[in-house]
Amino acid sequence: MTLVRSLVLFVLAALAEIGVAWLVWQGIREHRGLLWIAGGVIALGVYGFVATLQPDAHFGRILAAYGGVFVAGSLAWGIIVDKFQPDRWDYIGAAICLIGVAVIMYAPRG
């Protein structure tokens, strides 16, 4: 259950943080206005809160692992939301990052 909880929290954190960047991008670069930017600010708070719910107690480990989730999640967001077409190197890079997440977070420690 702890592994599933951790994975769900990583996904939620990624949605919140990538959503921050996307909402602010929409507000500024796409001229959608301050409400979009405000939504980004709220999403940033959600991200910060969700990250603290990880079962592991080590801030540095969680944030380091989350970096890999962010990379893969950003590509997925681009595919789903912005119709971005990654190339094989994007996929390979994201896979390497997710392997890093697995090693950092879930390797047996003695």
N, C-alpha and C. Protein backbone atom coordinates (compact mmCIF):
# COMPACT_ATOMS: atom_id res chain seq x y z
N MET A 1 0.82 -1.20 0.00
CA MET A 1 0.00 0.00 0.00
C MET A 1 0.86 1.26 0.00
N THR A 2 1.99 1.21 0.71
CA THR A 2 2.87 2.37 0.77
C THR A 2 3.41 2.72 -0.62
N LEU A 3 3.78 1.71 -1.41
CA LEU A 3 4.28 1.97 -2.77
C LEU A 3 3.19 2.61 -3.62
N VAL A 4 2.00 2.07 -3.56
CA VAL A 4 0.89 2.63 -4.34
C VAL A 4 0.61 4.07 -3.91
N ARG A 5 0.59 4.30 -2.61
CA ARG A 5 0.37 5.67 -2.10
C ARG A 5 1.44 6.61 -2.62
N SER A 6 2.68 6.19 -2.56
CA SER A 6 3.79 7.02 -3.02
C SER A 6 3.65 7.34 -4.51
N LEU A 7 3.33 6.35 -5.30
CA LEU A 7 3.17 6.57 -6.75
C LEU A 7 2.02 7.52 -7.05
N VAL A 8 0.90 7.34 -6.35
CA VAL A 8 -0.25 8.23 -6.54
C VAL A 8 0.12 9.66 -6.16
N LEU A 9 0.85 9.81 -5.06
CA LEU A 9 1.26 11.15 -4.64
C LEU A 9 2.20 11.80 -5.65
N PHE A 10 3.10 11.01 -6.24
CA PHE A 10 3.97 11.56 -7.28
C PHE A 10 3.16 12.03 -8.48
N VAL A 11 2.17 11.26 -8.88
CA VAL A 11 1.33 11.67 -10.01
C VAL A 11 0.55 12.95 -9.68
N LEU A 12 -0.02 13.00 -8.49
CA LEU A 12 -0.76 14.21 -8.09
C LEU A 12 0.16 15.42 -8.01
N ALA A 13 1.36 15.25 -7.47
CA ALA A 13 2.31 16.35 -7.40
C ALA A 13 2.70 16.82 -8.80
N ALA A 14 2.90 15.87 -9.70
CA ALA A 14 3.26 16.24 -11.07
C ALA A 14 2.13 17.02 -11.75
N LEU A 15 0.91 16.54 -11.58
CA LEU A 15 -0.23 17.27 -12.17
C LEU A 15 -0.31 18.69 -11.63
N ALA A 16 -0.10 18.84 -10.32
CA ALA A 16 -0.17 20.17 -9.72
C ALA A 16 0.97 21.05 -10.22
N GLU A 17 2.21 20.56 -10.18
CA GLU A 17 3.34 21.42 -10.55
C GLU A 17 3.38 21.72 -12.04
N ILE A 18 3.12 20.73 -12.85
CA ILE A 18 3.10 20.98 -14.30
C ILE A 18 1.92 21.89 -14.62
N GLY A 19 0.82 21.69 -13.90
CA GLY A 19 -0.33 22.58 -14.06
C GLY A 19 0.01 24.02 -13.72
N VAL A 20 0.86 24.23 -12.71
CA VAL A 20 1.32 25.58 -12.36
C VAL A 20 1.95 26.24 -13.57
N ALA A 21 2.95 25.57 -14.11
CA ALA A 21 3.68 26.14 -15.24
C ALA A 21 2.75 26.38 -16.43
N TRP A 22 1.87 25.42 -16.70
CA TRP A 22 0.98 25.54 -17.85
C TRP A 22 -0.01 26.69 -17.66
N LEU A 23 -0.59 26.80 -16.47
CA LEU A 23 -1.54 27.88 -16.21
C LEU A 23 -0.89 29.25 -16.31
N VAL A 24 0.30 29.39 -15.73
CA VAL A 24 1.00 30.68 -15.82
C VAL A 24 1.38 30.95 -17.28
N TRP A 25 1.83 29.93 -17.99
CA TRP A 25 2.15 30.06 -19.41
C TRP A 25 0.92 30.57 -20.18
N GLN A 26 -0.22 29.94 -19.91
CA GLN A 26 -1.45 30.36 -20.59
C GLN A 26 -1.80 31.81 -20.24
N GLY A 27 -1.65 32.16 -18.97
CA GLY A 27 -1.99 33.51 -18.54
C GLY A 27 -1.11 34.57 -19.17
N ILE A 28 0.19 34.28 -19.29
CA ILE A 28 1.12 35.28 -19.80
C ILE A 28 1.35 35.13 -21.30
N ARG A 29 1.80 33.97 -21.73
CA ARG A 29 2.19 33.80 -23.14
C ARG A 29 1.01 33.73 -24.08
N GLU A 30 -0.11 33.21 -23.58
CA GLU A 30 -1.30 33.10 -24.43
C GLU A 30 -2.31 34.19 -24.12
N HIS A 31 -1.92 35.13 -23.26
CA HIS A 31 -2.73 36.32 -22.95
C HIS A 31 -4.14 35.97 -22.44
N ARG A 32 -4.21 34.97 -21.57
CA ARG A 32 -5.51 34.58 -21.03
C ARG A 32 -5.85 35.30 -19.75
N GLY A 33 -4.89 35.99 -19.15
CA GLY A 33 -5.20 36.86 -18.04
C GLY A 33 -4.83 36.36 -16.66
N LEU A 34 -5.15 37.22 -15.70
CA LEU A 34 -4.75 37.01 -14.32
C LEU A 34 -5.44 35.82 -13.65
N LEU A 35 -6.65 35.47 -14.06
CA LEU A 35 -7.31 34.31 -13.44
C LEU A 35 -6.54 33.02 -13.72
N TRP A 36 -5.97 32.91 -14.89
CA TRP A 36 -5.17 31.73 -15.22
C TRP A 36 -3.91 31.71 -14.35
N ILE A 37 -3.29 32.87 -14.19
CA ILE A 37 -2.10 32.96 -13.35
C ILE A 37 -2.45 32.64 -11.90
N ALA A 38 -3.57 33.16 -11.43
CA ALA A 38 -4.01 32.87 -10.06
C ALA A 38 -4.25 31.37 -9.88
N GLY A 39 -4.80 30.73 -10.88
CA GLY A 39 -4.97 29.27 -10.82
C GLY A 39 -3.62 28.58 -10.67
N GLY A 40 -2.61 29.10 -11.34
CA GLY A 40 -1.26 28.56 -11.22
C GLY A 40 -0.71 28.72 -9.81
N VAL A 41 -0.97 29.86 -9.20
CA VAL A 41 -0.51 30.09 -7.83
C VAL A 41 -1.18 29.10 -6.87
N ILE A 42 -2.46 28.87 -7.05
CA ILE A 42 -3.17 27.91 -6.21
C ILE A 42 -2.61 26.50 -6.43
N ALA A 43 -2.38 26.14 -7.67
CA ALA A 43 -1.82 24.82 -7.98
C ALA A 43 -0.44 24.65 -7.34
N LEU A 44 0.33 25.73 -7.25
CA LEU A 44 1.64 25.65 -6.61
C LEU A 44 1.50 25.27 -5.14
N GLY A 45 0.51 25.86 -4.47
CA GLY A 45 0.25 25.49 -3.08
C GLY A 45 -0.15 24.04 -2.95
N VAL A 46 -0.98 23.56 -3.87
CA VAL A 46 -1.39 22.14 -3.85
C VAL A 46 -0.17 21.24 -4.02
N TYR A 47 0.69 21.59 -4.96
CA TYR A 47 1.91 20.81 -5.18
C TYR A 47 2.73 20.72 -3.89
N GLY A 48 2.97 21.87 -3.25
CA GLY A 48 3.77 21.89 -2.03
C GLY A 48 3.17 21.03 -0.94
N PHE A 49 1.88 21.04 -0.82
CA PHE A 49 1.19 20.24 0.19
C PHE A 49 1.29 18.75 -0.13
N VAL A 50 1.00 18.38 -1.37
CA VAL A 50 1.01 16.97 -1.77
C VAL A 50 2.39 16.35 -1.58
N ALA A 51 3.43 17.11 -1.90
CA ALA A 51 4.79 16.57 -1.77
C ALA A 51 5.11 16.19 -0.33
N THR A 52 4.53 16.88 0.64
CA THR A 52 4.81 16.56 2.05
C THR A 52 4.14 15.28 2.51
N LEU A 53 3.23 14.73 1.73
CA LEU A 53 2.49 13.53 2.14
C LEU A 53 3.21 12.23 1.77
N GLN A 54 4.34 12.33 1.09
CA GLN A 54 5.09 11.12 0.74
C GLN A 54 5.46 10.35 2.00
N PRO A 55 5.41 9.01 1.96
CA PRO A 55 5.73 8.21 3.15
C PRO A 55 7.19 8.33 3.61
N ASP A 56 8.11 8.57 2.69
CA ASP A 56 9.52 8.72 3.06
C ASP A 56 9.72 10.06 3.76
N ALA A 57 10.54 10.08 4.78
CA ALA A 57 10.72 11.29 5.60
C ALA A 57 11.86 12.18 5.12
N HIS A 58 12.54 11.85 4.04
CA HIS A 58 13.71 12.60 3.61
C HIS A 58 13.37 13.54 2.45
N PHE A 59 13.35 14.82 2.77
CA PHE A 59 12.99 15.85 1.79
C PHE A 59 13.83 15.75 0.52
N GLY A 60 15.14 15.67 0.68
CA GLY A 60 16.03 15.63 -0.48
C GLY A 60 15.77 14.44 -1.39
N ARG A 61 15.51 13.28 -0.79
CA ARG A 61 15.24 12.08 -1.58
C ARG A 61 13.94 12.24 -2.37
N ILE A 62 12.92 12.75 -1.70
CA ILE A 62 11.62 12.90 -2.37
C ILE A 62 11.72 13.89 -3.52
N LEU A 63 12.36 15.03 -3.29
CA LEU A 63 12.45 16.04 -4.35
C LEU A 63 13.35 15.58 -5.48
N ALA A 64 14.42 14.85 -5.16
CA ALA A 64 15.29 14.32 -6.21
C ALA A 64 14.52 13.33 -7.08
N ALA A 65 13.79 12.43 -6.45
CA ALA A 65 13.01 11.45 -7.21
C ALA A 65 11.90 12.14 -7.99
N TYR A 66 11.28 13.12 -7.36
CA TYR A 66 10.20 13.82 -8.04
C TYR A 66 10.68 14.48 -9.33
N GLY A 67 11.95 14.90 -9.36
CA GLY A 67 12.48 15.49 -10.59
C GLY A 67 12.30 14.58 -11.79
N GLY A 68 12.52 13.29 -11.60
CA GLY A 68 12.32 12.33 -12.69
C GLY A 68 10.86 12.19 -13.08
N VAL A 69 9.98 12.22 -12.08
CA VAL A 69 8.55 12.17 -12.35
C VAL A 69 8.13 13.42 -13.13
N PHE A 70 8.69 14.56 -12.76
CA PHE A 70 8.37 15.81 -13.45
C PHE A 70 8.77 15.74 -14.93
N VAL A 71 9.93 15.19 -15.21
CA VAL A 71 10.38 15.08 -16.61
C VAL A 71 9.41 14.24 -17.42
N ALA A 72 9.11 13.05 -16.92
CA ALA A 72 8.19 12.16 -17.65
C ALA A 72 6.78 12.74 -17.71
N GLY A 73 6.35 13.32 -16.60
CA GLY A 73 5.01 13.92 -16.56
C GLY A 73 4.87 15.10 -17.50
N SER A 74 5.94 15.88 -17.65
CA SER A 74 5.89 17.02 -18.56
C SER A 74 5.71 16.56 -20.00
N LEU A 75 6.41 15.50 -20.37
CA LEU A 75 6.23 14.96 -21.72
C LEU A 75 4.81 14.43 -21.91
N ALA A 76 4.30 13.73 -20.91
CA ALA A 76 2.93 13.20 -21.00
C ALA A 76 1.93 14.35 -21.11
N TRP A 77 2.11 15.39 -20.30
CA TRP A 77 1.23 16.57 -20.37
C TRP A 77 1.27 17.16 -21.78
N GLY A 78 2.47 17.31 -22.32
CA GLY A 78 2.61 17.86 -23.67
C GLY A 78 1.88 17.03 -24.71
N ILE A 79 1.95 15.71 -24.57
CA ILE A 79 1.26 14.82 -25.51
C ILE A 79 -0.25 14.99 -25.40
N ILE A 80 -0.75 14.96 -24.17
CA ILE A 80 -2.20 14.97 -23.94
C ILE A 80 -2.80 16.35 -24.14
N VAL A 81 -2.19 17.37 -23.58
CA VAL A 81 -2.79 18.70 -23.57
C VAL A 81 -2.41 19.52 -24.80
N ASP A 82 -1.13 19.49 -25.17
CA ASP A 82 -0.65 20.35 -26.25
C ASP A 82 -0.40 19.62 -27.56
N LYS A 83 -0.73 18.34 -27.60
CA LYS A 83 -0.57 17.52 -28.82
C LYS A 83 0.88 17.48 -29.31
N PHE A 84 1.82 17.54 -28.37
CA PHE A 84 3.25 17.45 -28.66
C PHE A 84 3.58 16.02 -29.06
N GLN A 85 4.47 15.85 -30.02
CA GLN A 85 4.89 14.53 -30.47
C GLN A 85 6.36 14.30 -30.11
N PRO A 86 6.62 13.65 -28.98
CA PRO A 86 8.01 13.39 -28.61
C PRO A 86 8.68 12.44 -29.60
N ASP A 87 10.00 12.55 -29.67
CA ASP A 87 10.73 11.58 -30.49
C ASP A 87 11.27 10.48 -29.58
N ARG A 88 11.96 9.53 -30.16
CA ARG A 88 12.43 8.39 -29.37
C ARG A 88 13.38 8.83 -28.27
N TRP A 89 14.14 9.89 -28.49
CA TRP A 89 15.09 10.36 -27.48
C TRP A 89 14.35 10.94 -26.28
N ASP A 90 13.22 11.60 -26.53
CA ASP A 90 12.39 12.08 -25.42
C ASP A 90 11.92 10.89 -24.58
N TYR A 91 11.43 9.86 -25.25
CA TYR A 91 10.96 8.68 -24.52
C TYR A 91 12.08 7.97 -23.77
N ILE A 92 13.23 7.84 -24.40
CA ILE A 92 14.37 7.20 -23.75
C ILE A 92 14.80 8.01 -22.53
N GLY A 93 14.88 9.33 -22.68
CA GLY A 93 15.25 10.18 -21.56
C GLY A 93 14.27 10.08 -20.41
N ALA A 94 12.98 10.07 -20.73
CA ALA A 94 11.96 9.94 -19.68
C ALA A 94 12.08 8.58 -18.98
N ALA A 95 12.34 7.53 -19.74
CA ALA A 95 12.49 6.20 -19.14
C ALA A 95 13.69 6.16 -18.20
N ILE A 96 14.79 6.78 -18.60
CA ILE A 96 15.97 6.85 -17.74
C ILE A 96 15.63 7.58 -16.44
N CYS A 97 14.89 8.68 -16.56
CA CYS A 97 14.49 9.43 -15.37
C CYS A 97 13.63 8.58 -14.45
N LEU A 98 12.69 7.82 -15.01
CA LEU A 98 11.82 6.99 -14.17
C LEU A 98 12.57 5.84 -13.53
N ILE A 99 13.59 5.33 -14.22
CA ILE A 99 14.45 4.32 -13.59
C ILE A 99 15.16 4.95 -12.39
N GLY A 100 15.63 6.18 -12.56
CA GLY A 100 16.25 6.90 -11.45
C GLY A 100 15.30 7.08 -10.28
N VAL A 101 14.05 7.40 -10.57
CA VAL A 101 13.04 7.52 -9.51
C VAL A 101 12.93 6.21 -8.74
N ALA A 102 12.83 5.11 -9.46
CA ALA A 102 12.68 3.81 -8.82
C ALA A 102 13.88 3.49 -7.93
N VAL A 103 15.08 3.79 -8.41
CA VAL A 103 16.28 3.52 -7.62
C VAL A 103 16.32 4.41 -6.38
N ILE A 104 16.07 5.70 -6.55
CA ILE A 104 16.14 6.63 -5.43
C ILE A 104 15.09 6.32 -4.37
N MET A 105 13.87 6.07 -4.80
CA MET A 105 12.77 5.93 -3.83
C MET A 105 12.56 4.52 -3.31
N TYR A 106 12.76 3.52 -4.16
CA TYR A 106 12.25 2.21 -3.83
C TYR A 106 13.32 1.11 -3.73
N ALA A 107 14.59 1.47 -3.88
CA ALA A 107 15.65 0.47 -3.71
C ALA A 107 15.70 0.02 -2.25
N PRO A 108 15.98 -1.25 -2.02
CA PRO A 108 16.07 -1.72 -0.63
C PRO A 108 17.25 -1.03 0.07
N ARG A 109 16.99 -0.62 1.27
CA ARG A 109 18.02 0.04 2.08
C ARG A 109 18.20 -0.74 3.36
N GLY A 110 19.44 -0.83 3.78
CA GLY A 110 19.70 -1.62 4.97
C GLY A 110 20.20 -0.80 6.05
